[in-house]
Amino acid sequence: MQKVNGWHLPDCDVHFRDILERKGNYIEEHLVKALDFVQNWDTAVDVGAHIGLCSKILATRFKTVHAFEPAPDTFACLQLNLQNYSNVMLYRVALGEGRALVRLEDDLSRPTRVGNTGARFVREGGDIPMFPLDSRKLDNVGFLKIDVEGYELHVLQGARDMLIRDNPTVEIEVGKSPKDRYDLDALAPVRFLEEMGMREVLRIKPDRIFVW
């Protein structure tokens, strides 16, 4: 494990090492813009929490944060990076539409993706437990952020009950190879949210923000 600009990071990661050395927590600027649309500051959910760049910011704004990260090495960093935030609950599981056992694969599709622990994606078969978010029975969710490298639709499908009940603001990453990996159109999660009655209010490439 390495420590870069105050953040614990897996030794194998060169992508985030370079970003953190140059920019620190580069996510803060666009996450703050997304939070402008939040109406309920009770609970936030961070799906694909990685090393905690989003979770740490959310912890300063919300009463409770639930952070989900399935990769063992990044989860270990997440634990250290969030160790001083007692309002953050950490889960080393994957989220999807149903229950399964999965594995993570590195994205080796192009040289710039090598050494990027944030580019890993879910595949069926493995030893990592996957659950639908609705099975966690979280209460009063005001903000849901999903960054899972093309698996966003499946996470949303497993969170349908919570979305209908709590009407949270949603930030999702759109366009990370869902066709090649999961035979899905890149805009499938967008259509899912729109069909539920949500509307897009902001784009912060590659993320989109939806409200009710």
C-alpha atoms as a PDB file:
ATOM      1  CA  MET A   1       0.000   0.000   0.000  1.00  0.00           C
ATOM      2  CA  GLN A   2       1.264   3.485  -0.868  1.00  0.00           C
ATOM      3  CA  LYS A   3       0.273   6.857   0.583  1.00  0.00           C
ATOM      4  CA  VAL A   4      -0.122   9.732  -1.842  1.00  0.00           C
ATOM      5  CA  ASN A   5      -0.979  13.267  -0.792  1.00  0.00           C
ATOM      6  CA  GLY A   6      -2.632  11.963   2.367  1.00  0.00           C
ATOM      7  CA  TRP A   7      -4.544   9.103   0.670  1.00  0.00           C
ATOM      8  CA  HIS A   8      -3.886   5.380   1.058  1.00  0.00           C
ATOM      9  CA  LEU A   9      -3.814   3.692  -2.357  1.00  0.00           C
ATOM     10  CA  PRO A  10      -2.981   0.156  -3.584  1.00  0.00           C
ATOM     11  CA  ASP A  11       0.650  -0.269  -4.600  1.00  0.00           C
ATOM     12  CA  CYS A  12      -0.365  -1.410  -8.094  1.00  0.00           C
ATOM     13  CA  ASP A  13      -2.191   1.839  -8.890  1.00  0.00           C
ATOM     14  CA  VAL A  14      -0.273   4.352 -11.006  1.00  0.00           C
ATOM     15  CA  HIS A  15      -3.320   6.145 -12.450  1.00  0.00           C
ATOM     16  CA  PHE A  16      -4.694   7.566  -9.201  1.00  0.00           C
ATOM     17  CA  ARG A  17      -1.190   8.047  -7.844  1.00  0.00           C
ATOM     18  CA  ASP A  18      -0.478  10.540 -10.610  1.00  0.00           C
ATOM     19  CA  ILE A  19      -3.851  12.286 -10.208  1.00  0.00           C
ATOM     20  CA  LEU A  20      -3.568  12.571  -6.427  1.00  0.00           C
ATOM     21  CA  GLU A  21      -0.022  13.896  -6.697  1.00  0.00           C
ATOM     22  CA  ARG A  22      -1.149  16.625  -9.099  1.00  0.00           C
ATOM     23  CA  LYS A  23      -4.666  17.469  -7.902  1.00  0.00           C
ATOM     24  CA  GLY A  24      -5.387  15.944  -4.519  1.00  0.00           C
ATOM     25  CA  ASN A  25      -9.100  15.066  -4.218  1.00  0.00           C
ATOM     26  CA  TYR A  26     -10.037  16.064  -7.754  1.00  0.00           C
ATOM     27  CA  ILE A  27     -13.593  14.712  -7.310  1.00  0.00           C
ATOM     28  CA  GLU A  28     -14.601  17.416  -4.842  1.00  0.00           C
ATOM     29  CA  GLU A  29     -15.316  20.135  -7.421  1.00  0.00           C
ATOM     30  CA  HIS A  30     -17.917  18.187  -9.412  1.00  0.00           C
ATOM     31  CA  LEU A  31     -19.396  16.335  -6.422  1.00  0.00           C
ATOM     32  CA  VAL A  32     -20.186  19.651  -4.739  1.00  0.00           C
ATOM     33  CA  LYS A  33     -22.120  20.666  -7.869  1.00  0.00           C
ATOM     34  CA  ALA A  34     -24.163  17.480  -7.674  1.00  0.00           C
ATOM     35  CA  LEU A  35     -24.905  18.064  -4.001  1.00  0.00           C
ATOM     36  CA  ASP A  36     -26.501  21.403  -4.854  1.00  0.00           C
ATOM     37  CA  PHE A  37     -29.588  19.397  -5.865  1.00  0.00           C
ATOM     38  CA  VAL A  38     -29.898  17.387  -2.631  1.00  0.00           C
ATOM     39  CA  GLN A  39     -32.991  18.026  -0.512  1.00  0.00           C
ATOM     40  CA  ASN A  40     -32.512  15.401   2.192  1.00  0.00           C
ATOM     41  CA  TRP A  41     -29.223  15.300   4.135  1.00  0.00           C
ATOM     42  CA  ASP A  42     -29.923  12.241   6.272  1.00  0.00           C
ATOM     43  CA  THR A  43     -28.285   9.359   4.338  1.00  0.00           C
ATOM     44  CA  ALA A  44     -25.953   9.098   1.342  1.00  0.00           C
ATOM     45  CA  VAL A  45     -24.974   5.930  -0.532  1.00  0.00           C
ATOM     46  CA  ASP A  46     -21.654   5.615  -2.384  1.00  0.00           C
ATOM     47  CA  VAL A  47     -21.629   2.620  -4.750  1.00  0.00           C
ATOM     48  CA  GLY A  48     -18.164   1.990  -6.144  1.00  0.00           C
ATOM     49  CA  ALA A  49     -16.526   3.869  -3.292  1.00  0.00           C
ATOM     50  CA  HIS A  50     -12.972   2.899  -4.333  1.00  0.00           C
ATOM     51  CA  ILE A  51     -10.575   4.535  -1.816  1.00  0.00           C
ATOM     52  CA  GLY A  52     -13.144   6.978  -0.443  1.00  0.00           C
ATOM     53  CA  LEU A  53     -12.661  10.175  -2.436  1.00  0.00           C
ATOM     54  CA  CYS A  54     -16.428  10.731  -2.578  1.00  0.00           C
ATOM     55  CA  SER A  55     -17.277   9.096   0.736  1.00  0.00           C
ATOM     56  CA  LYS A  56     -15.052  11.454   2.709  1.00  0.00           C
ATOM     57  CA  ILE A  57     -16.804  14.509   1.276  1.00  0.00           C
ATOM     58  CA  LEU A  58     -20.232  12.958   1.815  1.00  0.00           C
ATOM     59  CA  ALA A  59     -19.317  12.219   5.428  1.00  0.00           C
ATOM     60  CA  THR A  60     -18.972  15.945   6.096  1.00  0.00           C
ATOM     61  CA  ARG A  61     -22.427  16.712   4.690  1.00  0.00           C
ATOM     62  CA  PHE A  62     -24.688  13.769   5.568  1.00  0.00           C
ATOM     63  CA  LYS A  63     -25.681  12.268   8.894  1.00  0.00           C
ATOM     64  CA  THR A  64     -24.806   8.749   7.633  1.00  0.00           C
ATOM     65  CA  VAL A  65     -22.905   7.412   4.612  1.00  0.00           C
ATOM     66  CA  HIS A  66     -23.026   3.831   3.347  1.00  0.00           C
ATOM     67  CA  ALA A  67     -20.016   3.030   1.137  1.00  0.00           C
ATOM     68  CA  PHE A  68     -19.812  -0.120  -0.994  1.00  0.00           C
ATOM     69  CA  GLU A  69     -16.494  -1.329  -2.455  1.00  0.00           C
ATOM     70  CA  PRO A  70     -15.881  -4.977  -3.442  1.00  0.00           C
ATOM     71  CA  ALA A  71     -12.137  -5.045  -4.244  1.00  0.00           C
ATOM     72  CA  PRO A  72     -10.064  -6.241  -1.245  1.00  0.00           C
ATOM     73  CA  ASP A  73      -7.071  -3.945  -1.846  1.00  0.00           C
ATOM     74  CA  THR A  74      -9.074  -0.764  -2.438  1.00  0.00           C
ATOM     75  CA  PHE A  75     -11.400  -1.649   0.453  1.00  0.00           C
ATOM     76  CA  ALA A  76      -8.389  -1.847   2.782  1.00  0.00           C
ATOM     77  CA  CYS A  77      -7.430   1.660   1.649  1.00  0.00           C
ATOM     78  CA  LEU A  78     -11.018   2.833   2.060  1.00  0.00           C
ATOM     79  CA  GLN A  79     -10.981   1.650   5.672  1.00  0.00           C
ATOM     80  CA  LEU A  80      -7.813   3.613   6.435  1.00  0.00           C
ATOM     81  CA  ASN A  81      -8.902   6.720   4.562  1.00  0.00           C
ATOM     82  CA  LEU A  82     -12.235   6.827   6.414  1.00  0.00           C
ATOM     83  CA  GLN A  83     -11.055   5.581   9.821  1.00  0.00           C
ATOM     84  CA  ASN A  84     -11.782   8.911  11.504  1.00  0.00           C
ATOM     85  CA  TYR A  85     -15.372   9.142  10.235  1.00  0.00           C
ATOM     86  CA  SER A  86     -17.671   7.264  12.566  1.00  0.00           C
ATOM     87  CA  ASN A  87     -20.738   8.111  10.454  1.00  0.00           C
ATOM     88  CA  VAL A  88     -19.494   6.062   7.467  1.00  0.00           C
ATOM     89  CA  MET A  89     -20.562   2.403   7.200  1.00  0.00           C
ATOM     90  CA  LEU A  90     -18.305   0.298   4.950  1.00  0.00           C
ATOM     91  CA  TYR A  91     -19.309  -2.851   3.019  1.00  0.00           C
ATOM     92  CA  ARG A  92     -16.909  -5.086   1.050  1.00  0.00           C
ATOM     93  CA  VAL A  93     -19.583  -6.346  -1.337  1.00  0.00           C
ATOM     94  CA  ALA A  94     -20.720  -5.672  -4.892  1.00  0.00           C
ATOM     95  CA  LEU A  95     -24.193  -4.370  -5.674  1.00  0.00           C
ATOM     96  CA  GLY A  96     -26.433  -5.528  -8.512  1.00  0.00           C
ATOM     97  CA  GLU A  97     -29.955  -6.548  -9.422  1.00  0.00           C
ATOM     98  CA  GLY A  98     -29.896  -9.787  -7.419  1.00  0.00           C
ATOM     99  CA  ARG A  99     -27.764 -12.044  -5.247  1.00  0.00           C
ATOM    100  CA  ALA A 100     -24.719 -13.747  -6.767  1.00  0.00           C
ATOM    101  CA  LEU A 101     -21.014 -14.400  -6.400  1.00  0.00           C
ATOM    102  CA  VAL A 102     -18.837 -12.286  -8.681  1.00  0.00           C
ATOM    103  CA  ARG A 103     -15.252 -11.369  -9.422  1.00  0.00           C
ATOM    104  CA  LEU A 104     -13.531  -8.191 -10.575  1.00  0.00           C
ATOM    105  CA  GLU A 105     -11.465  -7.841 -13.723  1.00  0.00           C
ATOM    106  CA  ASP A 106      -8.951  -5.149 -14.621  1.00  0.00           C
ATOM    107  CA  ASP A 107      -9.669  -3.065 -17.683  1.00  0.00           C
ATOM    108  CA  LEU A 108      -6.790  -3.789 -20.072  1.00  0.00           C
ATOM    109  CA  SER A 109      -8.575  -2.470 -23.152  1.00  0.00           C
ATOM    110  CA  ARG A 110      -6.013   0.272 -23.709  1.00  0.00           C
ATOM    111  CA  PRO A 111      -2.660   1.253 -22.169  1.00  0.00           C
ATOM    112  CA  THR A 112      -4.087   4.216 -20.257  1.00  0.00           C
ATOM    113  CA  ARG A 113      -6.355   1.874 -18.272  1.00  0.00           C
ATOM    114  CA  VAL A 114      -3.512  -0.349 -17.010  1.00  0.00           C
ATOM    115  CA  GLY A 115      -2.686   0.364 -13.361  1.00  0.00           C
ATOM    116  CA  ASN A 116      -6.062   1.989 -12.682  1.00  0.00           C
ATOM    117  CA  THR A 117      -7.789   0.246  -9.772  1.00  0.00           C
ATOM    118  CA  GLY A 118     -10.860   2.398 -10.339  1.00  0.00           C
ATOM    119  CA  ALA A 119     -11.398   0.813 -13.757  1.00  0.00           C
ATOM    120  CA  ARG A 120     -12.158  -2.704 -12.519  1.00  0.00           C
ATOM    121  CA  PHE A 121     -15.499  -4.184 -13.503  1.00  0.00           C
ATOM    122  CA  VAL A 122     -17.785  -6.982 -12.335  1.00  0.00           C
ATOM    123  CA  ARG A 123     -17.977 -10.423 -13.939  1.00  0.00           C
ATOM    124  CA  GLU A 124     -20.139 -13.391 -12.969  1.00  0.00           C
ATOM    125  CA  GLY A 125     -18.459 -16.192 -11.031  1.00  0.00           C
ATOM    126  CA  GLY A 126     -16.070 -15.641  -8.146  1.00  0.00           C
ATOM    127  CA  ASP A 127     -16.053 -15.301  -4.380  1.00  0.00           C
ATOM    128  CA  ILE A 128     -17.241 -11.711  -3.867  1.00  0.00           C
ATOM    129  CA  PRO A 129     -20.842 -11.519  -2.625  1.00  0.00           C
ATOM    130  CA  MET A 130     -23.286  -9.381  -4.582  1.00  0.00           C
ATOM    131  CA  PHE A 131     -26.577  -8.070  -3.187  1.00  0.00           C
ATOM    132  CA  PRO A 132     -29.334  -5.746  -4.380  1.00  0.00           C
ATOM    133  CA  LEU A 133     -29.187  -2.428  -2.552  1.00  0.00           C
ATOM    134  CA  ASP A 134     -32.818  -2.866  -1.509  1.00  0.00           C
ATOM    135  CA  SER A 135     -31.771  -5.877   0.587  1.00  0.00           C
ATOM    136  CA  ARG A 136     -29.728  -3.570   2.837  1.00  0.00           C
ATOM    137  CA  LYS A 137     -32.945  -1.778   3.887  1.00  0.00           C
ATOM    138  CA  LEU A 138     -31.348   1.642   4.242  1.00  0.00           C
ATOM    139  CA  ASP A 139     -33.544   4.436   5.533  1.00  0.00           C
ATOM    140  CA  ASN A 140     -34.176   7.975   4.311  1.00  0.00           C
ATOM    141  CA  VAL A 141     -31.631   8.065   1.467  1.00  0.00           C
ATOM    142  CA  GLY A 142     -31.141  11.559   0.058  1.00  0.00           C
ATOM    143  CA  PHE A 143     -28.240  10.953  -2.337  1.00  0.00           C
ATOM    144  CA  LEU A 144     -27.117   7.946  -4.381  1.00  0.00           C
ATOM    145  CA  LYS A 145     -23.839   7.952  -6.302  1.00  0.00           C
ATOM    146  CA  ILE A 146     -23.020   5.022  -8.619  1.00  0.00           C
ATOM    147  CA  ASP A 147     -19.698   4.546 -10.420  1.00  0.00           C
ATOM    148  CA  VAL A 148     -19.315   0.873 -11.348  1.00  0.00           C
ATOM    149  CA  GLU A 149     -17.776   0.856 -14.827  1.00  0.00           C
ATOM    150  CA  GLY A 150     -20.825   0.016 -16.928  1.00  0.00           C
ATOM    151  CA  TYR A 151     -22.809  -1.943 -14.317  1.00  0.00           C
ATOM    152  CA  GLU A 152     -24.915   1.055 -13.278  1.00  0.00           C
ATOM    153  CA  LEU A 153     -28.204  -0.261 -14.683  1.00  0.00           C
ATOM    154  CA  HIS A 154     -28.003  -3.459 -12.608  1.00  0.00           C
ATOM    155  CA  VAL A 155     -27.333  -1.457  -9.447  1.00  0.00           C
ATOM    156  CA  LEU A 156     -30.325   0.782 -10.167  1.00  0.00           C
ATOM    157  CA  GLN A 157     -32.552  -2.226 -10.789  1.00  0.00           C
ATOM    158  CA  GLY A 158     -31.584  -3.568  -7.377  1.00  0.00           C
ATOM    159  CA  ALA A 159     -32.414  -0.225  -5.768  1.00  0.00           C
ATOM    160  CA  ARG A 160     -35.860   0.295  -7.299  1.00  0.00           C
ATOM    161  CA  ASP A 161     -37.792   0.148  -4.018  1.00  0.00           C
ATOM    162  CA  MET A 162     -35.482   2.657  -2.325  1.00  0.00           C
ATOM    163  CA  LEU A 163     -35.642   5.022  -5.298  1.00  0.00           C
ATOM    164  CA  ILE A 164     -39.443   5.009  -5.258  1.00  0.00           C
ATOM    165  CA  ARG A 165     -39.671   5.336  -1.481  1.00  0.00           C
ATOM    166  CA  ASP A 166     -36.998   7.974  -0.773  1.00  0.00           C
ATOM    167  CA  ASN A 167     -36.707   9.930  -4.076  1.00  0.00           C
ATOM    168  CA  PRO A 168     -32.966  10.615  -3.681  1.00  0.00           C
ATOM    169  CA  THR A 169     -30.847  12.753  -5.954  1.00  0.00           C
ATOM    170  CA  VAL A 170     -28.867  10.330  -8.161  1.00  0.00           C
ATOM    171  CA  GLU A 171     -25.404  10.755  -9.661  1.00  0.00           C
ATOM    172  CA  ILE A 172     -24.389   8.053 -12.137  1.00  0.00           C
ATOM    173  CA  GLU A 173     -21.454   7.551 -14.445  1.00  0.00           C
ATOM    174  CA  VAL A 174     -22.612   6.925 -18.013  1.00  0.00           C
ATOM    175  CA  GLY A 175     -20.828   5.320 -20.946  1.00  0.00           C
ATOM    176  CA  LYS A 176     -18.161   2.938 -19.585  1.00  0.00           C
ATOM    177  CA  SER A 177     -18.311   0.011 -22.058  1.00  0.00           C
ATOM    178  CA  PRO A 178     -21.629  -1.572 -21.013  1.00  0.00           C
ATOM    179  CA  LYS A 179     -22.159  -2.939 -24.546  1.00  0.00           C
ATOM    180  CA  ASP A 180     -18.902  -4.870 -24.639  1.00  0.00           C
ATOM    181  CA  ARG A 181     -19.110  -6.094 -21.044  1.00  0.00           C
ATOM    182  CA  TYR A 182     -22.821  -6.580 -20.420  1.00  0.00           C
ATOM    183  CA  ASP A 183     -24.517  -6.237 -23.827  1.00  0.00           C
ATOM    184  CA  LEU A 184     -26.192  -3.013 -22.683  1.00  0.00           C
ATOM    185  CA  ASP A 185     -26.661   0.316 -24.407  1.00  0.00           C
ATOM    186  CA  ALA A 186     -24.674   3.106 -22.729  1.00  0.00           C
ATOM    187  CA  LEU A 187     -27.856   5.087 -22.089  1.00  0.00           C
ATOM    188  CA  ALA A 188     -29.788   2.201 -20.504  1.00  0.00           C
ATOM    189  CA  PRO A 189     -29.418   3.585 -16.942  1.00  0.00           C
ATOM    190  CA  VAL A 190     -30.538   7.006 -18.150  1.00  0.00           C
ATOM    191  CA  ARG A 191     -33.703   5.548 -19.658  1.00  0.00           C
ATOM    192  CA  PHE A 192     -34.330   3.540 -16.487  1.00  0.00           C
ATOM    193  CA  LEU A 193     -34.307   6.670 -14.345  1.00  0.00           C
ATOM    194  CA  GLU A 194     -36.385   8.658 -16.816  1.00  0.00           C
ATOM    195  CA  GLU A 195     -38.984   5.905 -16.999  1.00  0.00           C
ATOM    196  CA  MET A 196     -39.205   6.030 -13.212  1.00  0.00           C
ATOM    197  CA  GLY A 197     -40.020   9.727 -13.428  1.00  0.00           C
ATOM    198  CA  MET A 198     -36.620  11.310 -12.818  1.00  0.00           C
ATOM    199  CA  ARG A 199     -35.145  14.097 -14.932  1.00  0.00           C
ATOM    200  CA  GLU A 200     -31.575  14.998 -15.741  1.00  0.00           C
ATOM    201  CA  VAL A 201     -30.497  18.373 -14.368  1.00  0.00           C
ATOM    202  CA  LEU A 202     -26.741  18.428 -14.857  1.00  0.00           C
ATOM    203  CA  ARG A 203     -23.904  16.729 -16.721  1.00  0.00           C
ATOM    204  CA  ILE A 204     -20.411  16.696 -15.277  1.00  0.00           C
ATOM    205  CA  LYS A 205     -18.586  14.468 -17.721  1.00  0.00           C
ATOM    206  CA  PRO A 206     -18.830  11.502 -17.451  1.00  0.00           C
ATOM    207  CA  ASP A 207     -21.451  11.822 -14.696  1.00  0.00           C
ATOM    208  CA  ARG A 208     -25.119  12.796 -14.919  1.00  0.00           C
ATOM    209  CA  ILE A 209     -27.286  14.120 -12.114  1.00  0.00           C
ATOM    210  CA  PHE A 210     -30.981  13.187 -11.819  1.00  0.00           C
ATOM    211  CA  VAL A 211     -33.745  14.503  -9.552  1.00  0.00           C
ATOM    212  CA  TRP A 212     -37.444  13.767  -9.119  1.00  0.00           C
END
